[in-house]
Protein backbone atom coordinates (compact mmCIF):
# COMPACT_ATOMS: atom_id res chain seq x y z
CA MET A 1 -12.54 13.81 5.66
CA THR A 2 -11.41 12.62 2.22
CA THR A 3 -10.55 14.75 -0.78
CA ALA A 4 -11.56 14.09 -4.36
CA ALA A 5 -8.07 12.73 -5.04
CA GLU A 6 -8.18 10.38 -2.04
CA PRO A 7 -10.65 7.49 -2.30
CA GLY A 8 -12.83 6.68 0.69
CA LEU A 9 -12.77 3.42 2.64
CA ARG A 10 -15.49 1.83 0.50
CA GLU A 11 -13.64 2.64 -2.74
CA ARG A 12 -10.37 1.33 -1.28
CA LYS A 13 -12.07 -1.94 -0.25
CA LYS A 14 -13.55 -2.34 -3.73
CA ALA A 15 -10.15 -1.68 -5.31
CA ALA A 16 -8.55 -4.23 -2.97
CA THR A 17 -11.16 -6.86 -3.88
CA ARG A 18 -10.67 -6.22 -7.59
CA GLN A 19 -6.90 -6.49 -7.17
CA SER A 20 -7.27 -9.69 -5.13
CA LEU A 21 -9.39 -11.29 -7.86
CA HIS A 22 -6.87 -10.28 -10.52
CA ALA A 23 -3.98 -11.68 -8.47
CA ALA A 24 -5.88 -14.93 -7.85
CA ALA A 25 -6.62 -15.27 -11.58
CA MET A 26 -2.93 -14.72 -12.40
CA ARG A 27 -1.72 -17.25 -9.82
CA LEU A 28 -4.09 -19.92 -11.10
CA ALA A 29 -3.34 -19.19 -14.77
CA ILE A 30 0.42 -19.40 -14.21
CA GLU A 31 0.06 -22.62 -12.22
CA HIS A 32 -2.55 -24.45 -14.32
CA GLY A 33 -2.76 -22.57 -17.63
CA PRO A 34 -5.43 -19.97 -18.49
CA ASP A 35 -7.68 -22.47 -20.28
CA ARG A 36 -8.04 -24.58 -17.10
CA VAL A 37 -8.99 -21.66 -14.87
CA THR A 38 -12.65 -21.13 -14.04
CA VAL A 39 -14.48 -18.17 -12.54
CA GLU A 40 -15.43 -20.39 -9.58
CA ALA A 41 -11.78 -21.29 -8.97
CA ILE A 42 -10.75 -17.62 -9.07
CA ALA A 43 -13.49 -16.67 -6.61
CA ASP A 44 -12.47 -19.53 -4.28
CA GLU A 45 -8.79 -18.58 -4.50
CA ALA A 46 -9.65 -14.97 -3.61
CA GLY A 47 -12.00 -16.07 -0.81
CA VAL A 48 -15.14 -14.48 -2.28
CA SER A 49 -18.39 -15.71 -3.79
CA ARG A 50 -19.08 -16.24 -7.49
CA ARG A 51 -21.55 -13.38 -7.28
CA THR A 52 -18.86 -11.07 -5.86
CA PHE A 53 -16.60 -12.00 -8.79
CA SER A 54 -19.41 -11.03 -11.19
CA ASN A 55 -19.72 -7.63 -9.49
CA TYR A 56 -16.15 -6.85 -10.53
CA PHE A 57 -15.44 -8.76 -13.74
CA SER A 58 -17.61 -10.13 -16.53
CA SER A 59 -15.26 -13.02 -17.35
CA LYS A 60 -12.05 -14.73 -16.30
CA GLU A 61 -10.32 -13.05 -19.27
CA GLU A 62 -11.26 -9.63 -17.94
CA ALA A 63 -9.90 -10.58 -14.51
CA LEU A 64 -6.64 -11.82 -16.03
CA LEU A 65 -6.21 -8.67 -18.14
CA TYR A 66 -6.98 -6.22 -15.35
CA GLY A 67 -3.24 -5.58 -15.02
CA ASP A 68 -3.17 -4.31 -18.63
CA TYR A 69 -6.09 -2.04 -17.85
CA GLN A 70 -4.33 -0.62 -14.77
CA ARG A 71 -1.03 -0.11 -16.57
CA ILE A 72 -2.54 1.76 -19.53
CA HIS A 73 -4.62 3.89 -17.16
CA LEU A 74 -1.44 4.81 -15.31
CA LEU A 75 0.20 5.68 -18.62
CA ILE A 76 -2.75 7.90 -19.58
CA GLU A 77 -2.49 9.66 -16.20
CA GLN A 78 1.18 10.34 -16.92
CA VAL A 79 0.25 11.77 -20.33
CA ARG A 80 -2.31 13.98 -18.57
CA ALA A 81 0.40 15.25 -16.19
CA ARG A 82 2.72 16.42 -18.99
CA PRO A 83 3.08 20.20 -19.56
CA ALA A 84 0.19 21.63 -21.58
CA GLY A 85 2.37 23.27 -24.25
CA GLU A 86 4.45 20.17 -24.94
CA PRO A 87 4.00 18.74 -28.46
CA THR A 88 1.73 15.70 -28.41
CA TRP A 89 4.17 13.01 -29.54
CA ALA A 90 6.89 14.39 -27.24
CA ALA A 91 4.41 14.27 -24.33
CA LEU A 92 3.43 10.69 -25.19
CA THR A 93 7.08 9.61 -25.44
CA ALA A 94 8.06 11.31 -22.16
CA ALA A 95 5.08 9.73 -20.38
CA ALA A 96 6.02 6.32 -21.80
CA GLU A 97 9.60 6.72 -20.58
CA GLN A 98 8.43 7.53 -17.04
CA PHE A 99 6.04 4.61 -17.18
CA TYR A 100 8.51 2.00 -18.45
CA LEU A 101 11.30 3.01 -16.10
CA LYS A 102 8.94 2.32 -13.17
CA LEU A 103 7.05 -0.64 -14.62
CA GLY A 104 8.91 -3.50 -12.93
CA GLU A 105 8.49 -2.05 -9.46
CA LEU A 106 4.83 -1.20 -10.11
CA ASP A 107 3.77 -4.68 -11.19
CA PRO A 108 6.20 -7.60 -10.96
CA GLN A 109 3.65 -9.92 -12.63
CA TRP A 110 3.36 -8.00 -15.87
CA VAL A 111 5.96 -10.07 -17.74
CA ALA A 112 4.20 -13.31 -16.76
CA GLN A 113 0.88 -11.81 -17.86
CA SER A 114 2.35 -10.69 -21.18
CA ARG A 115 3.63 -14.20 -21.88
CA LEU A 116 0.27 -15.73 -20.92
CA VAL A 117 -1.59 -13.44 -23.30
CA ARG A 118 0.65 -14.30 -26.23
CA ALA A 119 0.13 -18.03 -25.67
CA GLN A 120 -3.66 -17.91 -25.35
CA PRO A 121 -5.86 -16.88 -28.32
CA SER A 122 -8.89 -16.14 -26.09
CA LEU A 123 -6.79 -13.69 -24.09
CA VAL A 124 -5.48 -11.99 -27.24
CA GLY A 125 -9.07 -11.25 -28.29
CA ALA A 126 -9.96 -9.92 -24.86
CA GLN A 127 -6.81 -7.80 -24.82
CA VAL A 128 -7.77 -6.23 -28.17
CA GLN A 129 -11.11 -5.16 -26.63
CA THR A 130 -9.35 -3.76 -23.54
CA PHE A 131 -6.93 -1.78 -25.67
CA ALA A 132 -9.74 -0.47 -27.91
CA ALA A 133 -11.51 1.01 -24.88
CA LEU A 134 -8.27 2.52 -23.59
CA GLU A 135 -7.44 3.85 -27.05
CA ARG A 136 -10.67 5.87 -26.93
CA GLU A 137 -9.67 7.26 -23.54
CA LEU A 138 -6.20 8.16 -24.80
CA SER A 139 -7.75 9.82 -27.87
CA ALA A 140 -9.89 11.96 -25.57
CA GLU A 141 -6.77 13.01 -23.66
CA ILE A 142 -4.90 13.85 -26.88
CA ALA A 143 -7.90 15.85 -28.10
CA ALA A 144 -8.01 17.78 -24.82
CA ARG A 145 -4.32 18.63 -25.17
CA THR A 146 -4.59 19.76 -28.79
CA GLY A 147 -8.11 21.15 -29.00
CA ALA A 148 -8.78 18.76 -31.88
CA ASP A 149 -11.85 16.59 -32.41
CA ALA A 150 -11.47 13.33 -30.43
CA SER A 151 -13.06 11.42 -33.31
CA GLY A 152 -10.84 13.04 -35.95
CA VAL A 153 -8.39 11.03 -38.04
CA ARG A 154 -5.24 12.71 -36.68
CA VAL A 155 -6.16 12.12 -33.02
CA LYS A 156 -7.28 8.53 -33.63
CA MET A 157 -4.15 7.76 -35.67
CA THR A 158 -1.89 9.27 -33.01
CA SER A 159 -3.49 7.22 -30.26
CA ALA A 160 -3.47 3.99 -32.28
CA ALA A 161 0.13 4.44 -33.47
CA PHE A 162 1.33 5.16 -29.94
CA LEU A 163 -0.30 2.08 -28.39
CA ALA A 164 0.73 -0.11 -31.35
CA SER A 165 4.34 1.01 -30.87
CA LEU A 166 4.21 -0.08 -27.23
CA ARG A 167 2.74 -3.48 -28.16
CA VAL A 168 5.26 -4.11 -30.95
CA ALA A 169 8.21 -3.23 -28.71
CA LEU A 170 6.91 -5.49 -25.94
CA HIS A 171 6.48 -8.46 -28.31
CA ILE A 172 10.00 -7.99 -29.70
CA TRP A 173 11.36 -7.73 -26.15
CA LEU A 174 9.64 -10.94 -25.02
CA ASP A 175 11.57 -12.81 -27.74
CA LYS A 176 14.91 -11.27 -26.81
CA PRO A 177 17.44 -12.76 -24.38
CA PRO A 178 17.07 -11.84 -20.67
CA GLY A 179 18.72 -8.54 -19.84
CA THR A 180 17.55 -6.78 -23.03
CA ASN A 181 16.44 -3.25 -22.15
CA LEU A 182 12.72 -2.84 -22.84
CA TRP A 183 12.81 0.96 -22.84
CA ASP A 184 15.46 0.95 -25.60
CA LEU A 185 13.07 -1.01 -27.83
CA VAL A 186 10.07 1.12 -26.87
CA SER A 187 12.06 4.30 -27.53
CA GLU A 188 13.10 3.01 -30.97
CA ALA A 189 9.52 2.01 -31.85
CA LEU A 190 8.16 5.39 -30.73
CA ALA A 191 10.86 7.25 -32.69
CA GLU A 192 9.96 5.30 -35.84
CA ALA A 193 6.21 5.77 -35.45
CA GLY A 194 6.57 9.36 -34.32
CA GLN A 195 8.11 10.53 -37.59
CA GLY A 196 4.60 11.05 -38.93
CA PHE A 197 3.34 12.81 -35.80
CA ALA A 198 6.20 15.07 -34.73
């Protein structure tokens, strides 16, 4: 018997297939470049049919960016787990700290994916769409914490400023020498942005 928190066998198989397609897309993109990767090649690499690919992703860009989707969902879950009475920006910052301190062990490919996205205009556009959808989800979580309207200016600005801070810090970090601490840059970006939300 499974609980609501524990997915059943079918859900686990679907998650494994989705992850396999994402991993195949990443391998091919790193080896050949994202512009040379096709949906057919990803499906072949993952050992599934083209139709199966289409059941999980609408494009190769979506398959490549699935890691971003997973990471931001994990971050939103960590925001959700913060104490109810904690001020919003403090909760966001604490969730981000937990997230970034575990990021490397959670997904060793995320740096390679981040570099791929920066170098490929088609991926940048797809990433903007992914983040827009996740920004709405984060706004809903912030609204639930504060009792504010999810479509209100304050909630939307808080969500957008938080995610923008993470993106800015990551892009600065990717240009820094190896060994630069990502969390230090994220913490600085969040402190700067948070002055208007504290």
